[in-house]
Amino acid sequence: MSEDLIKSIIILLQNDRGDEEILMRILYDLRKDKKPFGPDKLYLKNIIEKYLPEDKHLL
């Protein structure tokens, strides 16, 4: 996962888009070089498609 994806998640958090707890968990995992697993990956895909469709390519 890229730094751009981390930036997108931070933007979502700053704008109160999505579930803060889930996004923080995903962000923590990405910073530890761990890939999001099943449900978190699906949640991230859905939330980015909804609020930041221009960043879909980052997934």
Foldseek 3Di string as FASTA:
>chain_A
DDPVLLVVLVVCVVVVQDDPVLSVVCSVCVVVVHHDDDPSVVRSLVSCCVPPVVCNVVD
